[in-house]
Amino acid sequence: MDKKRAAFFSIFLFLAVNVVSLSNAIEGYYGQEDERVYGAVIVALISTILATTAFFIWRKAEYKK
């Protein structure tokens, strides 16, 4: 698998992790479970950073001349 395809699929993987962790953060917030909220938000932030990095890698490989 080339670099462009790996970056493209990793974007969707990281976004899926982001959705699940933010869902857990919301459930933890309503359940008054602070440890669950903080852990899920940290995972969501890391996932967002990794998805953004993968996007820039994909964009560089896609529009490379």
PDB file of N, CA and C in Angstrom:
ATOM      1  N   MET A   1       0.851  -1.170   0.000  1.00  0.00           N
ATOM      2  CA  MET A   1       0.000   0.000   0.000  1.00  0.00           C
ATOM      3  C   MET A   1       0.898   1.235   0.000  1.00  0.00           C
ATOM      4  N   ASP A   2       0.594   2.147  -0.888  1.00  0.00           N
ATOM      5  CA  ASP A   2       1.417   3.337  -0.977  1.00  0.00           C
ATOM      6  C   ASP A   2       1.079   4.339   0.126  1.00  0.00           C
ATOM      7  N   LYS A   3       1.897   5.355   0.199  1.00  0.00           N
ATOM      8  CA  LYS A   3       1.788   6.342   1.281  1.00  0.00           C
ATOM      9  C   LYS A   3       0.461   7.100   1.230  1.00  0.00           C
ATOM     10  N   LYS A   4       0.016   7.410   0.027  1.00  0.00           N
ATOM     11  CA  LYS A   4      -1.230   8.174  -0.133  1.00  0.00           C
ATOM     12  C   LYS A   4      -2.430   7.376   0.363  1.00  0.00           C
ATOM     13  N   ARG A   5      -2.491   6.104   0.006  1.00  0.00           N
ATOM     14  CA  ARG A   5      -3.622   5.271   0.405  1.00  0.00           C
ATOM     15  C   ARG A   5      -3.609   5.012   1.914  1.00  0.00           C
ATOM     16  N   ALA A   6      -2.426   4.795   2.479  1.00  0.00           N
ATOM     17  CA  ALA A   6      -2.330   4.568   3.922  1.00  0.00           C
ATOM     18  C   ALA A   6      -2.777   5.807   4.696  1.00  0.00           C
ATOM     19  N   ALA A   7      -2.380   6.973   4.228  1.00  0.00           N
ATOM     20  CA  ALA A   7      -2.783   8.211   4.900  1.00  0.00           C
ATOM     21  C   ALA A   7      -4.284   8.423   4.773  1.00  0.00           C
ATOM     22  N   PHE A   8      -4.849   8.096   3.609  1.00  0.00           N
ATOM     23  CA  PHE A   8      -6.282   8.274   3.386  1.00  0.00           C
ATOM     24  C   PHE A   8      -7.099   7.391   4.331  1.00  0.00           C
ATOM     25  N   PHE A   9      -6.716   6.129   4.461  1.00  0.00           N
ATOM     26  CA  PHE A   9      -7.441   5.227   5.352  1.00  0.00           C
ATOM     27  C   PHE A   9      -7.212   5.564   6.832  1.00  0.00           C
ATOM     28  N   SER A  10      -6.030   6.063   7.155  1.00  0.00           N
ATOM     29  CA  SER A  10      -5.781   6.426   8.547  1.00  0.00           C
ATOM     30  C   SER A  10      -6.598   7.647   8.970  1.00  0.00           C
ATOM     31  N   ILE A  11      -6.916   8.529   8.035  1.00  0.00           N
ATOM     32  CA  ILE A  11      -7.785   9.665   8.356  1.00  0.00           C
ATOM     33  C   ILE A  11      -9.129   9.156   8.857  1.00  0.00           C
ATOM     34  N   PHE A  12      -9.725   8.203   8.134  1.00  0.00           N
ATOM     35  CA  PHE A  12     -11.013   7.658   8.546  1.00  0.00           C
ATOM     36  C   PHE A  12     -10.910   6.876   9.847  1.00  0.00           C
ATOM     37  N   LEU A  13      -9.810   6.176  10.044  1.00  0.00           N
ATOM     38  CA  LEU A  13      -9.612   5.442  11.290  1.00  0.00           C
ATOM     39  C   LEU A  13      -9.551   6.401  12.475  1.00  0.00           C
ATOM     40  N   PHE A  14      -8.771   7.456  12.352  1.00  0.00           N
ATOM     41  CA  PHE A  14      -8.645   8.416  13.442  1.00  0.00           C
ATOM     42  C   PHE A  14      -9.947   9.171  13.688  1.00  0.00           C
ATOM     43  N   LEU A  15     -10.697   9.453  12.644  1.00  0.00           N
ATOM     44  CA  LEU A  15     -11.988  10.113  12.831  1.00  0.00           C
ATOM     45  C   LEU A  15     -12.996   9.190  13.516  1.00  0.00           C
ATOM     46  N   ALA A  16     -12.935   7.901  13.220  1.00  0.00           N
ATOM     47  CA  ALA A  16     -13.816   6.946  13.900  1.00  0.00           C
ATOM     48  C   ALA A  16     -13.468   6.862  15.386  1.00  0.00           C
ATOM     49  N   VAL A  17     -12.183   6.839  15.701  1.00  0.00           N
ATOM     50  CA  VAL A  17     -11.758   6.845  17.103  1.00  0.00           C
ATOM     51  C   VAL A  17     -12.220   8.123  17.784  1.00  0.00           C
ATOM     52  N   ASN A  18     -12.150   9.227  17.072  1.00  0.00           N
ATOM     53  CA  ASN A  18     -12.580  10.516  17.607  1.00  0.00           C
ATOM     54  C   ASN A  18     -14.064  10.509  17.943  1.00  0.00           C
ATOM     55  N   VAL A  19     -14.894   9.982  17.054  1.00  0.00           N
ATOM     56  CA  VAL A  19     -16.338   9.938  17.291  1.00  0.00           C
ATOM     57  C   VAL A  19     -16.664   9.072  18.502  1.00  0.00           C
ATOM     58  N   VAL A  20     -16.028   7.920  18.597  1.00  0.00           N
ATOM     59  CA  VAL A  20     -16.288   7.017  19.730  1.00  0.00           C
ATOM     60  C   VAL A  20     -15.841   7.644  21.041  1.00  0.00           C
ATOM     61  N   SER A  21     -14.670   8.255  21.056  1.00  0.00           N
ATOM     62  CA  SER A  21     -14.184   8.834  22.309  1.00  0.00           C
ATOM     63  C   SER A  21     -15.000  10.058  22.722  1.00  0.00           C
ATOM     64  N   LEU A  22     -15.455  10.850  21.770  1.00  0.00           N
ATOM     65  CA  LEU A  22     -16.304  11.979  22.134  1.00  0.00           C
ATOM     66  C   LEU A  22     -17.673  11.510  22.620  1.00  0.00           C
ATOM     67  N   SER A  23     -18.150  10.411  22.077  1.00  0.00           N
ATOM     68  CA  SER A  23     -19.397   9.822  22.564  1.00  0.00           C
ATOM     69  C   SER A  23     -19.229   9.364  24.013  1.00  0.00           C
ATOM     70  N   ASN A  24     -18.092   8.732  24.303  1.00  0.00           N
ATOM     71  CA  ASN A  24     -17.818   8.320  25.681  1.00  0.00           C
ATOM     72  C   ASN A  24     -17.674   9.521  26.612  1.00  0.00           C
ATOM     73  N   ALA A  25     -17.108  10.608  26.116  1.00  0.00           N
ATOM     74  CA  ALA A  25     -16.972  11.811  26.937  1.00  0.00           C
ATOM     75  C   ALA A  25     -18.340  12.392  27.279  1.00  0.00           C
ATOM     76  N   ILE A  26     -19.240  12.401  26.316  1.00  0.00           N
ATOM     77  CA  ILE A  26     -20.583  12.924  26.573  1.00  0.00           C
ATOM     78  C   ILE A  26     -21.324  12.047  27.570  1.00  0.00           C
ATOM     79  N   GLU A  27     -21.225  10.725  27.400  1.00  0.00           N
ATOM     80  CA  GLU A  27     -21.883   9.815  28.345  1.00  0.00           C
ATOM     81  C   GLU A  27     -21.293   9.959  29.747  1.00  0.00           C
ATOM     82  N   GLY A  28     -19.986  10.125  29.828  1.00  0.00           N
ATOM     83  CA  GLY A  28     -19.349  10.321  31.126  1.00  0.00           C
ATOM     84  C   GLY A  28     -19.740  11.636  31.768  1.00  0.00           C
ATOM     85  N   TYR A  29     -19.927  12.668  30.951  1.00  0.00           N
ATOM     86  CA  TYR A  29     -20.331  13.971  31.473  1.00  0.00           C
ATOM     87  C   TYR A  29     -21.725  13.893  32.090  1.00  0.00           C
ATOM     88  N   TYR A  30     -22.634  13.228  31.399  1.00  0.00           N
ATOM     89  CA  TYR A  30     -23.994  13.107  31.930  1.00  0.00           C
ATOM     90  C   TYR A  30     -24.046  12.181  33.138  1.00  0.00           C
ATOM     91  N   GLY A  31     -23.118  11.256  33.226  1.00  0.00           N
ATOM     92  CA  GLY A  31     -23.067  10.339  34.359  1.00  0.00           C
ATOM     93  C   GLY A  31     -22.213  10.858  35.506  1.00  0.00           C
ATOM     94  N   GLN A  32     -21.677  12.067  35.372  1.00  0.00           N
ATOM     95  CA  GLN A  32     -20.842  12.689  36.409  1.00  0.00           C
ATOM     96  C   GLN A  32     -19.590  11.859  36.708  1.00  0.00           C
ATOM     97  N   GLU A  33     -19.004  11.248  35.684  1.00  0.00           N
ATOM     98  CA  GLU A  33     -17.783  10.453  35.839  1.00  0.00           C
ATOM     99  C   GLU A  33     -16.619  11.246  35.250  1.00  0.00           C
ATOM    100  N   ASP A  34     -15.937  12.003  36.107  1.00  0.00           N
ATOM    101  CA  ASP A  34     -14.901  12.912  35.632  1.00  0.00           C
ATOM    102  C   ASP A  34     -13.714  12.191  35.002  1.00  0.00           C
ATOM    103  N   GLU A  35     -13.306  11.057  35.558  1.00  0.00           N
ATOM    104  CA  GLU A  35     -12.149  10.341  35.005  1.00  0.00           C
ATOM    105  C   GLU A  35     -12.441   9.876  33.578  1.00  0.00           C
ATOM    106  N   ARG A  36     -13.649   9.436  33.339  1.00  0.00           N
ATOM    107  CA  ARG A  36     -14.042   8.971  32.008  1.00  0.00           C
ATOM    108  C   ARG A  36     -14.062  10.126  31.018  1.00  0.00           C
ATOM    109  N   VAL A  37     -14.513  11.275  31.464  1.00  0.00           N
ATOM    110  CA  VAL A  37     -14.571  12.448  30.583  1.00  0.00           C
ATOM    111  C   VAL A  37     -13.165  12.886  30.201  1.00  0.00           C
ATOM    112  N   TYR A  38     -12.283  13.020  31.176  1.00  0.00           N
ATOM    113  CA  TYR A  38     -10.930  13.489  30.886  1.00  0.00           C
ATOM    114  C   TYR A  38     -10.172  12.521  29.994  1.00  0.00           C
ATOM    115  N   GLY A  39     -10.305  11.244  30.256  1.00  0.00           N
ATOM    116  CA  GLY A  39      -9.634  10.248  29.428  1.00  0.00           C
ATOM    117  C   GLY A  39     -10.128  10.257  27.997  1.00  0.00           C
ATOM    118  N   ALA A  40     -11.443  10.347  27.820  1.00  0.00           N
ATOM    119  CA  ALA A  40     -12.019  10.348  26.473  1.00  0.00           C
ATOM    120  C   ALA A  40     -11.659  11.619  25.712  1.00  0.00           C
ATOM    121  N   VAL A  41     -11.623  12.743  26.390  1.00  0.00           N
ATOM    122  CA  VAL A  41     -11.267  13.999  25.728  1.00  0.00           C
ATOM    123  C   VAL A  41      -9.795  13.983  25.313  1.00  0.00           C
ATOM    124  N   ILE A  42      -8.936  13.432  26.132  1.00  0.00           N
ATOM    125  CA  ILE A  42      -7.514  13.332  25.778  1.00  0.00           C
ATOM    126  C   ILE A  42      -7.332  12.445  24.557  1.00  0.00           C
ATOM    127  N   VAL A  43      -8.023  11.310  24.530  1.00  0.00           N
ATOM    128  CA  VAL A  43      -7.949  10.422  23.368  1.00  0.00           C
ATOM    129  C   VAL A  43      -8.490  11.126  22.131  1.00  0.00           C
ATOM    130  N   ALA A  44      -9.560  11.875  22.265  1.00  0.00           N
ATOM    131  CA  ALA A  44     -10.142  12.601  21.132  1.00  0.00           C
ATOM    132  C   ALA A  44      -9.180  13.666  20.610  1.00  0.00           C
ATOM    133  N   LEU A  45      -8.507  14.366  21.497  1.00  0.00           N
ATOM    134  CA  LEU A  45      -7.550  15.390  21.058  1.00  0.00           C
ATOM    135  C   LEU A  45      -6.364  14.772  20.333  1.00  0.00           C
ATOM    136  N   ILE A  46      -5.849  13.671  20.862  1.00  0.00           N
ATOM    137  CA  ILE A  46      -4.734  12.984  20.199  1.00  0.00           C
ATOM    138  C   ILE A  46      -5.172  12.465  18.836  1.00  0.00           C
ATOM    139  N   SER A  47      -6.381  11.920  18.774  1.00  0.00           N
ATOM    140  CA  SER A  47      -6.914  11.425  17.506  1.00  0.00           C
ATOM    141  C   SER A  47      -7.076  12.552  16.492  1.00  0.00           C
ATOM    142  N   THR A  48      -7.499  13.705  16.935  1.00  0.00           N
ATOM    143  CA  THR A  48      -7.651  14.854  16.053  1.00  0.00           C
ATOM    144  C   THR A  48      -6.301  15.307  15.503  1.00  0.00           C
ATOM    145  N   ILE A  49      -5.308  15.342  16.351  1.00  0.00           N
ATOM    146  CA  ILE A  49      -3.959  15.732  15.915  1.00  0.00           C
ATOM    147  C   ILE A  49      -3.426  14.735  14.891  1.00  0.00           C
ATOM    148  N   LEU A  50      -3.620  13.446  15.143  1.00  0.00           N
ATOM    149  CA  LEU A  50      -3.134  12.426  14.214  1.00  0.00           C
ATOM    150  C   LEU A  50      -3.899  12.466  12.888  1.00  0.00           C
ATOM    151  N   ALA A  51      -5.207  12.725  12.933  1.00  0.00           N
ATOM    152  CA  ALA A  51      -5.985  12.832  11.700  1.00  0.00           C
ATOM    153  C   ALA A  51      -5.553  14.052  10.886  1.00  0.00           C
ATOM    154  N   THR A  52      -5.255  15.146  11.548  1.00  0.00           N
ATOM    155  CA  THR A  52      -4.782  16.338  10.850  1.00  0.00           C
ATOM    156  C   THR A  52      -3.425  16.088  10.215  1.00  0.00           C
ATOM    157  N   THR A  53      -2.543  15.420  10.932  1.00  0.00           N
ATOM    158  CA  THR A  53      -1.237  15.078  10.380  1.00  0.00           C
ATOM    159  C   THR A  53      -1.378  14.153   9.176  1.00  0.00           C
ATOM    160  N   ALA A  54      -2.246  13.157   9.290  1.00  0.00           N
ATOM    161  CA  ALA A  54      -2.480  12.244   8.167  1.00  0.00           C
ATOM    162  C   ALA A  54      -3.074  12.986   6.974  1.00  0.00           C
ATOM    163  N   PHE A  55      -3.916  13.965   7.223  1.00  0.00           N
ATOM    164  CA  PHE A  55      -4.476  14.767   6.127  1.00  0.00           C
ATOM    165  C   PHE A  55      -3.384  15.517   5.383  1.00  0.00           C
ATOM    166  N   PHE A  56      -2.461  16.120   6.106  1.00  0.00           N
ATOM    167  CA  PHE A  56      -1.402  16.860   5.430  1.00  0.00           C
ATOM    168  C   PHE A  56      -0.465  15.928   4.670  1.00  0.00           C
ATOM    169  N   ILE A  57      -0.222  14.738   5.200  1.00  0.00           N
ATOM    170  CA  ILE A  57       0.578  13.748   4.477  1.00  0.00           C
ATOM    171  C   ILE A  57      -0.144  13.329   3.203  1.00  0.00           C
ATOM    172  N   TRP A  58      -1.443  13.073   3.305  1.00  0.00           N
ATOM    173  CA  TRP A  58      -2.225  12.682   2.133  1.00  0.00           C
ATOM    174  C   TRP A  58      -2.247  13.797   1.099  1.00  0.00           C
ATOM    175  N   ARG A  59      -2.458  15.030   1.555  1.00  0.00           N
ATOM    176  CA  ARG A  59      -2.524  16.155   0.632  1.00  0.00           C
ATOM    177  C   ARG A  59      -1.189  16.349  -0.104  1.00  0.00           C
ATOM    178  N   LYS A  60      -0.102  16.181   0.628  1.00  0.00           N
ATOM    179  CA  LYS A  60       1.217  16.323   0.002  1.00  0.00           C
ATOM    180  C   LYS A  60       1.426  15.230  -1.046  1.00  0.00           C
ATOM    181  N   ALA A  61       1.008  13.996  -0.746  1.00  0.00           N
ATOM    182  CA  ALA A  61       1.172  12.903  -1.702  1.00  0.00           C
ATOM    183  C   ALA A  61       0.194  13.026  -2.861  1.00  0.00           C
ATOM    184  N   GLU A  62      -0.989  13.551  -2.630  1.00  0.00           N
ATOM    185  CA  GLU A  62      -2.000  13.660  -3.681  1.00  0.00           C
ATOM    186  C   GLU A  62      -1.650  14.726  -4.709  1.00  0.00           C
ATOM    187  N   TYR A  63      -1.171  15.864  -4.258  1.00  0.00           N
ATOM    188  CA  TYR A  63      -0.910  16.984  -5.161  1.00  0.00           C
ATOM    189  C   TYR A  63       0.561  17.164  -5.476  1.00  0.00           C
ATOM    190  N   LYS A  64       1.322  16.103  -5.300  1.00  0.00           N
ATOM    191  CA  LYS A  64       2.745  16.139  -5.614  1.00  0.00           C
ATOM    192  C   LYS A  64       2.933  16.130  -7.127  1.00  0.00           C
ATOM    193  N   LYS A  65       3.789  16.977  -7.620  1.00  0.00           N
ATOM    194  CA  LYS A  65       4.009  17.048  -9.074  1.00  0.00           C
ATOM    195  C   LYS A  65       5.261  16.311  -9.453  1.00  0.00           C
TER     196      LYS A  65
END
